[in-house]
PDB file of N, CA and C in Angstrom:
ATOM      1  N   MET A   1      75.404 -41.660   3.817  1.00  0.00           N
ATOM      2  CA  MET A   1      74.842 -40.559   4.576  1.00  0.00           C
ATOM      3  C   MET A   1      73.332 -40.446   4.328  1.00  0.00           C
ATOM      4  N   ALA A   2      72.932 -40.506   3.068  1.00  0.00           N
ATOM      5  CA  ALA A   2      71.508 -40.407   2.741  1.00  0.00           C
ATOM      6  C   ALA A   2      70.741 -41.609   3.284  1.00  0.00           C
ATOM      7  N   ILE A   3      71.388 -42.782   3.258  1.00  0.00           N
ATOM      8  CA  ILE A   3      70.730 -43.995   3.763  1.00  0.00           C
ATOM      9  C   ILE A   3      70.478 -43.863   5.262  1.00  0.00           C
ATOM     10  N   MET A   4      71.416 -43.293   5.999  1.00  0.00           N
ATOM     11  CA  MET A   4      71.230 -43.083   7.441  1.00  0.00           C
ATOM     12  C   MET A   4      70.043 -42.156   7.700  1.00  0.00           C
ATOM     13  N   THR A   5      69.916 -41.115   6.898  1.00  0.00           N
ATOM     14  CA  THR A   5      68.810 -40.170   7.058  1.00  0.00           C
ATOM     15  C   THR A   5      67.478 -40.861   6.789  1.00  0.00           C
ATOM     16  N   ILE A   6      67.441 -41.701   5.773  1.00  0.00           N
ATOM     17  CA  ILE A   6      66.207 -42.436   5.450  1.00  0.00           C
ATOM     18  C   ILE A   6      65.837 -43.373   6.595  1.00  0.00           C
ATOM     19  N   PHE A   7      66.820 -44.106   7.135  1.00  0.00           N
ATOM     20  CA  PHE A   7      66.528 -45.028   8.234  1.00  0.00           C
ATOM     21  C   PHE A   7      66.095 -44.285   9.489  1.00  0.00           C
ATOM     22  N   GLU A   8      66.686 -43.118   9.750  1.00  0.00           N
ATOM     23  CA  GLU A   8      66.269 -42.325  10.900  1.00  0.00           C
ATOM     24  C   GLU A   8      64.837 -41.836  10.726  1.00  0.00           C
ATOM     25  N   SER A   9      64.470 -41.446   9.518  1.00  0.00           N
ATOM     26  CA  SER A   9      63.106 -40.989   9.251  1.00  0.00           C
ATOM     27  C   SER A   9      62.113 -42.135   9.421  1.00  0.00           C
ATOM     28  N   ILE A  10      62.475 -43.312   8.923  1.00  0.00           N
ATOM     29  CA  ILE A  10      61.598 -44.477   9.064  1.00  0.00           C
ATOM     30  C   ILE A  10      61.456 -44.847  10.532  1.00  0.00           C
ATOM     31  N   GLY A  11      62.554 -44.802  11.277  1.00  0.00           N
ATOM     32  CA  GLY A  11      62.504 -45.108  12.707  1.00  0.00           C
ATOM     33  C   GLY A  11      61.603 -44.144  13.455  1.00  0.00           C
ATOM     34  N   LEU A  12      61.709 -42.863  13.140  1.00  0.00           N
ATOM     35  CA  LEU A  12      60.862 -41.858  13.772  1.00  0.00           C
ATOM     36  C   LEU A  12      59.397 -42.091  13.414  1.00  0.00           C
ATOM     37  N   ALA A  13      59.130 -42.420  12.165  1.00  0.00           N
ATOM     38  CA  ALA A  13      57.757 -42.681  11.734  1.00  0.00           C
ATOM     39  C   ALA A  13      57.184 -43.892  12.462  1.00  0.00           C
ATOM     40  N   VAL A  14      57.988 -44.920  12.664  1.00  0.00           N
ATOM     41  CA  VAL A  14      57.529 -46.115  13.380  1.00  0.00           C
ATOM     42  C   VAL A  14      57.204 -45.771  14.831  1.00  0.00           C
ATOM     43  N   ILE A  15      58.055 -44.980  15.465  1.00  0.00           N
ATOM     44  CA  ILE A  15      57.815 -44.594  16.860  1.00  0.00           C
ATOM     45  C   ILE A  15      56.536 -43.776  16.981  1.00  0.00           C
ATOM     46  N   VAL A  16      56.332 -42.841  16.071  1.00  0.00           N
ATOM     47  CA  VAL A  16      55.115 -42.020  16.088  1.00  0.00           C
ATOM     48  C   VAL A  16      53.889 -42.897  15.846  1.00  0.00           C
ATOM     49  N   ALA A  17      53.980 -43.813  14.895  1.00  0.00           N
ATOM     50  CA  ALA A  17      52.851 -44.701  14.594  1.00  0.00           C
ATOM     51  C   ALA A  17      52.507 -45.576  15.793  1.00  0.00           C
ATOM     52  N   LEU A  18      53.513 -46.131  16.459  1.00  0.00           N
ATOM     53  CA  LEU A  18      53.258 -46.946  17.647  1.00  0.00           C
ATOM     54  C   LEU A  18      52.638 -46.122  18.767  1.00  0.00           C
ATOM     55  N   SER A  19      53.068 -44.893  18.912  1.00  0.00           N
ATOM     56  CA  SER A  19      52.500 -44.020  19.941  1.00  0.00           C
ATOM     57  C   SER A  19      51.021 -43.771  19.670  1.00  0.00           C
ATOM     58  N   PHE A  20      50.690 -43.433  18.418  1.00  0.00           N
ATOM     59  CA  PHE A  20      49.285 -43.203  18.083  1.00  0.00           C
ATOM     60  C   PHE A  20      48.465 -44.474  18.244  1.00  0.00           C
ATOM     61  N   TRP A  21      49.036 -45.628  17.917  1.00  0.00           N
ATOM     62  CA  TRP A  21      48.320 -46.896  18.064  1.00  0.00           C
ATOM     63  C   TRP A  21      48.031 -47.180  19.532  1.00  0.00           C
ATOM     64  N   CYS A  22      48.999 -46.897  20.404  1.00  0.00           N
ATOM     65  CA  CYS A  22      48.790 -47.097  21.843  1.00  0.00           C
ATOM     66  C   CYS A  22      47.678 -46.192  22.367  1.00  0.00           C
ATOM     67  N   VAL A  23      47.693 -44.926  21.955  1.00  0.00           N
ATOM     68  CA  VAL A  23      46.647 -43.997  22.385  1.00  0.00           C
ATOM     69  C   VAL A  23      45.290 -44.467  21.872  1.00  0.00           C
ATOM     70  N   TYR A  24      45.238 -44.946  20.638  1.00  0.00           N
ATOM     71  CA  TYR A  24      43.989 -45.460  20.059  1.00  0.00           C
ATOM     72  C   TYR A  24      43.464 -46.642  20.875  1.00  0.00           C
ATOM     73  N   CYS A  25      44.361 -47.558  21.240  1.00  0.00           N
ATOM     74  CA  CYS A  25      43.946 -48.721  22.023  1.00  0.00           C
ATOM     75  C   CYS A  25      43.445 -48.314  23.400  1.00  0.00           C
ATOM     76  N   ILE A  26      44.116 -47.365  24.036  1.00  0.00           N
ATOM     77  CA  ILE A  26      43.701 -46.908  25.361  1.00  0.00           C
ATOM     78  C   ILE A  26      42.325 -46.260  25.294  1.00  0.00           C
ATOM     79  N   PHE A  27      42.109 -45.402  24.293  1.00  0.00           N
ATOM     80  CA  PHE A  27      40.797 -44.770  24.158  1.00  0.00           C
ATOM     81  C   PHE A  27      39.718 -45.794  23.827  1.00  0.00           C
ATOM     82  N   GLY A  28      40.042 -46.764  22.987  1.00  0.00           N
ATOM     83  CA  GLY A  28      39.070 -47.816  22.669  1.00  0.00           C
ATOM     84  C   GLY A  28      38.674 -48.608  23.895  1.00  0.00           C
ATOM     85  N   TYR A  29      39.641 -48.926  24.743  1.00  0.00           N
ATOM     86  CA  TYR A  29      39.352 -49.648  25.980  1.00  0.00           C
ATOM     87  C   TYR A  29      38.506 -48.784  26.923  1.00  0.00           C
ATOM     88  N   GLY A  30      38.823 -47.506  26.994  1.00  0.00           N
ATOM     89  CA  GLY A  30      38.037 -46.596  27.830  1.00  0.00           C
ATOM     90  C   GLY A  30      36.597 -46.490  27.354  1.00  0.00           C
ATOM     91  N   ILE A  31      36.397 -46.460  26.047  1.00  0.00           N
ATOM     92  CA  ILE A  31      35.037 -46.399  25.497  1.00  0.00           C
ATOM     93  C   ILE A  31      34.273 -47.673  25.845  1.00  0.00           C
ATOM     94  N   GLU A  32      34.944 -48.827  25.745  1.00  0.00           N
ATOM     95  CA  GLU A  32      34.303 -50.097  26.118  1.00  0.00           C
ATOM     96  C   GLU A  32      33.908 -50.090  27.586  1.00  0.00           C
ATOM     97  N   LEU A  33      34.810 -49.639  28.455  1.00  0.00           N
ATOM     98  CA  LEU A  33      34.495 -49.583  29.884  1.00  0.00           C
ATOM     99  C   LEU A  33      33.315 -48.665  30.155  1.00  0.00           C
ATOM    100  N   GLN A  34      33.286 -47.506  29.490  1.00  0.00           N
ATOM    101  CA  GLN A  34      32.194 -46.571  29.677  1.00  0.00           C
ATOM    102  C   GLN A  34      30.872 -47.172  29.203  1.00  0.00           C
ATOM    103  N   LYS A  35      30.904 -47.879  28.078  1.00  0.00           N
ATOM    104  CA  LYS A  35      29.683 -48.500  27.557  1.00  0.00           C
ATOM    105  C   LYS A  35      29.173 -49.567  28.520  1.00  0.00           C
ATOM    106  N   ASN A  36      30.081 -50.366  29.062  1.00  0.00           N
ATOM    107  CA  ASN A  36      29.676 -51.387  30.031  1.00  0.00           C
ATOM    108  C   ASN A  36      29.109 -50.755  31.292  1.00  0.00           C
ATOM    109  N   GLU A  37      29.703 -49.658  31.734  1.00  0.00           N
ATOM    110  CA  GLU A  37      29.222 -48.966  32.923  1.00  0.00           C
ATOM    111  C   GLU A  37      27.829 -48.385  32.683  1.00  0.00           C
ATOM    112  N   ASP A  38      27.601 -47.830  31.490  1.00  0.00           N
ATOM    113  CA  ASP A  38      26.289 -47.263  31.164  1.00  0.00           C
ATOM    114  C   ASP A  38      25.216 -48.339  31.109  1.00  0.00           C
ATOM    115  N   GLU A  39      25.569 -49.547  30.674  1.00  0.00           N
ATOM    116  CA  GLU A  39      24.586 -50.622  30.565  1.00  0.00           C
ATOM    117  C   GLU A  39      24.192 -51.166  31.929  1.00  0.00           C
ATOM    118  N   THR A  40      25.081 -51.056  32.922  1.00  0.00           N
ATOM    119  CA  THR A  40      24.766 -51.621  34.235  1.00  0.00           C
ATOM    120  C   THR A  40      23.862 -50.739  35.054  1.00  0.00           C
ATOM    121  N   LEU A  41      23.752 -49.455  34.709  1.00  0.00           N
ATOM    122  CA  LEU A  41      22.915 -48.555  35.499  1.00  0.00           C
ATOM    123  C   LEU A  41      21.469 -48.603  35.112  1.00  0.00           C
TER     124      LEU A  41
END
Protein backbone atom coordinates (compact mmCIF):
# COMPACT_ATOMS: atom_id res chain seq x y z
CA MET A 1 0.00 0.00 0.00
CA ALA A 2 2.76 2.45 0.93
CA ILE A 3 4.72 1.51 -2.20
CA MET A 4 1.69 2.37 -4.38
CA THR A 5 1.44 5.77 -2.70
CA ILE A 6 5.13 6.44 -3.31
CA PHE A 7 4.85 5.48 -7.00
CA GLU A 8 1.75 7.65 -7.42
CA SER A 9 3.60 10.60 -5.87
CA ILE A 10 6.61 10.05 -8.14
CA GLY A 11 4.32 9.78 -11.17
CA LEU A 12 2.58 13.03 -10.27
CA ALA A 13 5.93 14.75 -9.74
CA VAL A 14 7.13 13.56 -13.16
CA ILE A 15 3.97 14.86 -14.85
CA VAL A 16 4.30 18.25 -13.13
CA ALA A 17 8.00 18.45 -14.03
CA LEU A 18 7.30 17.65 -17.69
CA SER A 19 4.56 20.26 -17.77
CA PHE A 20 6.87 22.95 -16.39
CA TRP A 21 9.61 21.88 -18.82
CA CYS A 22 7.21 22.22 -21.77
CA VAL A 23 6.14 25.69 -20.64
CA TYR A 24 9.82 26.66 -20.21
CA CYS A 25 10.62 25.48 -23.74
CA ILE A 26 7.65 27.33 -25.23
CA PHE A 27 8.61 30.57 -23.48
CA GLY A 28 12.25 30.14 -24.52
CA TYR A 29 11.21 29.71 -28.14
CA GLY A 30 8.95 32.76 -27.90
CA ILE A 31 11.81 34.85 -26.51
CA GLU A 32 14.04 33.72 -29.39
CA LEU A 33 11.37 34.65 -31.94
CA GLN A 34 10.88 38.05 -30.31
CA LYS A 35 14.64 38.70 -30.31
CA ASN A 36 14.89 37.79 -33.99
CA GLU A 37 11.93 40.03 -34.79
CA ASP A 38 13.50 42.95 -32.90
CA GLU A 39 16.78 42.54 -34.80
CA THR A 40 15.08 42.69 -38.20
CA LEU A 41 13.44 46.07 -37.60
